[in-house]
């Protein structure tokens, strides 16, 4: 729910593992393995 609305903001509060899910779609490329 909130993830879809503001994945970027939630990603900041989430641990690196969780951020991979949100940031991965944004194209930040935190983890090349995820992409």
PDB file of N, CA and C in Angstrom:
ATOM      1  N   UNK A   1       0.847  -1.196   0.000  1.00  0.00           N
ATOM      2  CA  UNK A   1       0.000   0.000   0.000  1.00  0.00           C
ATOM      3  C   UNK A   1       0.888   1.254   0.000  1.00  0.00           C
ATOM      4  N   UNK A   2       1.452   1.575   1.149  1.00  0.00           N
ATOM      5  CA  UNK A   2       2.320   2.758   1.224  1.00  0.00           C
ATOM      6  C   UNK A   2       3.540   2.567   0.341  1.00  0.00           C
ATOM      7  N   UNK A   3       3.958   1.293   0.199  1.00  0.00           N
ATOM      8  CA  UNK A   3       5.135   1.014  -0.639  1.00  0.00           C
ATOM      9  C   UNK A   3       4.919   1.558  -2.045  1.00  0.00           C
ATOM     10  N   UNK A   4       3.757   1.275  -2.605  1.00  0.00           N
ATOM     11  CA  UNK A   4       3.482   1.711  -3.977  1.00  0.00           C
ATOM     12  C   UNK A   4       3.412   3.234  -4.052  1.00  0.00           C
ATOM     13  N   UNK A   5       2.898   3.839  -2.997  1.00  0.00           N
ATOM     14  CA  UNK A   5       2.746   5.296  -2.998  1.00  0.00           C
ATOM     15  C   UNK A   5       4.100   5.989  -2.916  1.00  0.00           C
ATOM     16  N   UNK A   6       4.916   5.591  -1.934  1.00  0.00           N
ATOM     17  CA  UNK A   6       6.218   6.259  -1.773  1.00  0.00           C
ATOM     18  C   UNK A   6       7.321   5.264  -1.445  1.00  0.00           C
ATOM     19  N   UNK A   7       7.717   4.467  -2.408  1.00  0.00           N
ATOM     20  CA  UNK A   7       8.776   3.468  -2.180  1.00  0.00           C
ATOM     21  C   UNK A   7      10.095   4.126  -1.791  1.00  0.00           C
ATOM     22  N   UNK A   8      10.343   5.312  -2.338  1.00  0.00           N
ATOM     23  CA  UNK A   8      11.608   5.997  -2.056  1.00  0.00           C
ATOM     24  C   UNK A   8      11.715   6.350  -0.573  1.00  0.00           C
ATOM     25  N   UNK A   9      10.654   6.898  -0.019  1.00  0.00           N
ATOM     26  CA  UNK A   9      10.703   7.320   1.390  1.00  0.00           C
ATOM     27  C   UNK A   9      10.795   6.109   2.298  1.00  0.00           C
ATOM     28  N   UNK A  10       9.992   5.093   2.026  1.00  0.00           N
ATOM     29  CA  UNK A  10      10.022   3.902   2.872  1.00  0.00           C
ATOM     30  C   UNK A  10      11.387   3.240   2.780  1.00  0.00           C
ATOM     31  N   UNK A  11      11.964   3.263   1.597  1.00  0.00           N
ATOM     32  CA  UNK A  11      13.263   2.613   1.395  1.00  0.00           C
ATOM     33  C   UNK A  11      14.294   3.185   2.360  1.00  0.00           C
ATOM     34  N   UNK A  12      14.182   4.472   2.657  1.00  0.00           N
ATOM     35  CA  UNK A  12      15.148   5.102   3.559  1.00  0.00           C
ATOM     36  C   UNK A  12      15.058   4.495   4.949  1.00  0.00           C
ATOM     37  N   UNK A  13      13.853   4.147   5.366  1.00  0.00           N
ATOM     38  CA  UNK A  13      13.672   3.591   6.706  1.00  0.00           C
ATOM     39  C   UNK A  13      13.927   2.092   6.721  1.00  0.00           C
ATOM     40  N   UNK A  14      13.782   1.473   5.576  1.00  0.00           N
ATOM     41  CA  UNK A  14      13.970   0.013   5.514  1.00  0.00           C
ATOM     42  C   UNK A  14      15.449  -0.351   5.469  1.00  0.00           C
ATOM     43  N   UNK A  15      15.789  -1.556   5.903  1.00  0.00           N
ATOM     44  CA  UNK A  15      17.174  -2.037   5.830  1.00  0.00           C
ATOM     45  C   UNK A  15      17.584  -2.243   4.378  1.00  0.00           C
ATOM     46  N   UNK A  16      18.872  -2.390   4.096  1.00  0.00           N
ATOM     47  CA  UNK A  16      19.364  -2.548   2.723  1.00  0.00           C
ATOM     48  C   UNK A  16      18.655  -3.675   1.991  1.00  0.00           C
ATOM     49  N   UNK A  17      18.377  -4.760   2.676  1.00  0.00           N
ATOM     50  CA  UNK A  17      17.713  -5.896   2.023  1.00  0.00           C
ATOM     51  C   UNK A  17      16.331  -5.504   1.535  1.00  0.00           C
ATOM     52  N   UNK A  18      15.599  -4.779   2.355  1.00  0.00           N
ATOM     53  CA  UNK A  18      14.239  -4.381   1.979  1.00  0.00           C
ATOM     54  C   UNK A  18      14.300  -3.341   0.869  1.00  0.00           C
ATOM     55  N   UNK A  19      15.292  -2.459   0.954  1.00  0.00           N
ATOM     56  CA  UNK A  19      15.405  -1.396  -0.035  1.00  0.00           C
ATOM     57  C   UNK A  19      15.604  -1.977  -1.430  1.00  0.00           C
ATOM     58  N   UNK A  20      16.237  -3.127  -1.515  1.00  0.00           N
ATOM     59  CA  UNK A  20      16.490  -3.741  -2.826  1.00  0.00           C
ATOM     60  C   UNK A  20      15.180  -3.885  -3.585  1.00  0.00           C
ATOM     61  N   UNK A  21      14.116  -4.223  -2.879  1.00  0.00           N
ATOM     62  CA  UNK A  21      12.829  -4.432  -3.546  1.00  0.00           C
ATOM     63  C   UNK A  21      12.303  -3.125  -4.132  1.00  0.00           C
ATOM     64  N   UNK A  22      12.312  -2.076  -3.328  1.00  0.00           N
ATOM     65  CA  UNK A  22      11.776  -0.789  -3.792  1.00  0.00           C
ATOM     66  C   UNK A  22      12.743  -0.073  -4.731  1.00  0.00           C
ATOM     67  N   UNK A  23      13.982   0.072  -4.279  1.00  0.00           N
ATOM     68  CA  UNK A  23      14.964   0.805  -5.089  1.00  0.00           C
ATOM     69  C   UNK A  23      15.273   0.057  -6.377  1.00  0.00           C
ATOM     70  N   UNK A  24      15.166  -1.253  -6.318  1.00  0.00           N
ATOM     71  CA  UNK A  24      15.451  -2.041  -7.524  1.00  0.00           C
ATOM     72  C   UNK A  24      14.548  -1.602  -8.668  1.00  0.00           C
ATOM     73  N   UNK A  25      13.293  -1.307  -8.361  1.00  0.00           N
ATOM     74  CA  UNK A  25      12.354  -0.883  -9.404  1.00  0.00           C
ATOM     75  C   UNK A  25      12.671   0.548  -9.838  1.00  0.00           C
ATOM     76  N   UNK A  26      13.117   1.354  -8.907  1.00  0.00           N
ATOM     77  CA  UNK A  26      13.425   2.751  -9.218  1.00  0.00           C
ATOM     78  C   UNK A  26      14.641   2.841 -10.131  1.00  0.00           C
ATOM     79  N   UNK A  27      15.492   1.837 -10.061  1.00  0.00           N
ATOM     80  CA  UNK A  27      16.675   1.833 -10.917  1.00  0.00           C
ATOM     81  C   UNK A  27      17.878   2.407 -10.194  1.00  0.00           C
ATOM     82  N   UNK A  28      17.838   2.378  -8.867  1.00  0.00           N
ATOM     83  CA  UNK A  28      18.978   2.919  -8.112  1.00  0.00           C
ATOM     84  C   UNK A  28      20.155   1.950  -8.209  1.00  0.00           C
ATOM     85  N   UNK A  29      19.853   0.673  -8.344  1.00  0.00           N
ATOM     86  CA  UNK A  29      20.927  -0.312  -8.507  1.00  0.00           C
ATOM     87  C   UNK A  29      21.749  -0.466  -7.247  1.00  0.00           C
ATOM     88  N   UNK A  30      21.083  -0.634  -6.104  1.00  0.00           N
ATOM     89  CA  UNK A  30      21.821  -0.816  -4.852  1.00  0.00           C
ATOM     90  C   UNK A  30      22.566  -2.144  -4.897  1.00  0.00           C
ATOM     91  N   UNK A  31      21.888  -3.168  -5.397  1.00  0.00           N
ATOM     92  CA  UNK A  31      22.519  -4.482  -5.482  1.00  0.00           C
ATOM     93  C   UNK A  31      22.390  -5.036  -6.892  1.00  0.00           C
ATOM     94  N   UNK A  32      23.483  -5.178  -7.604  1.00  0.00           N
ATOM     95  CA  UNK A  32      23.453  -5.697  -8.976  1.00  0.00           C
ATOM     96  C   UNK A  32      22.842  -7.090  -9.034  1.00  0.00           C
ATOM     97  N   UNK A  33      22.975  -7.844  -7.955  1.00  0.00           N
ATOM     98  CA  UNK A  33      22.425  -9.202  -7.927  1.00  0.00           C
ATOM     99  C   UNK A  33      20.907  -9.167  -8.070  1.00  0.00           C
ATOM    100  N   UNK A  34      20.277  -8.211  -7.391  1.00  0.00           N
ATOM    101  CA  UNK A  34      18.818  -8.096  -7.449  1.00  0.00           C
ATOM    102  C   UNK A  34      18.375  -7.754  -8.869  1.00  0.00           C
ATOM    103  N   UNK A  35      19.111  -6.863  -9.506  1.00  0.00           N
ATOM    104  CA  UNK A  35      18.749  -6.468 -10.863  1.00  0.00           C
ATOM    105  C   UNK A  35      19.137  -7.564 -11.820  1.00  0.00           C
TER     106      UNK A  35
END
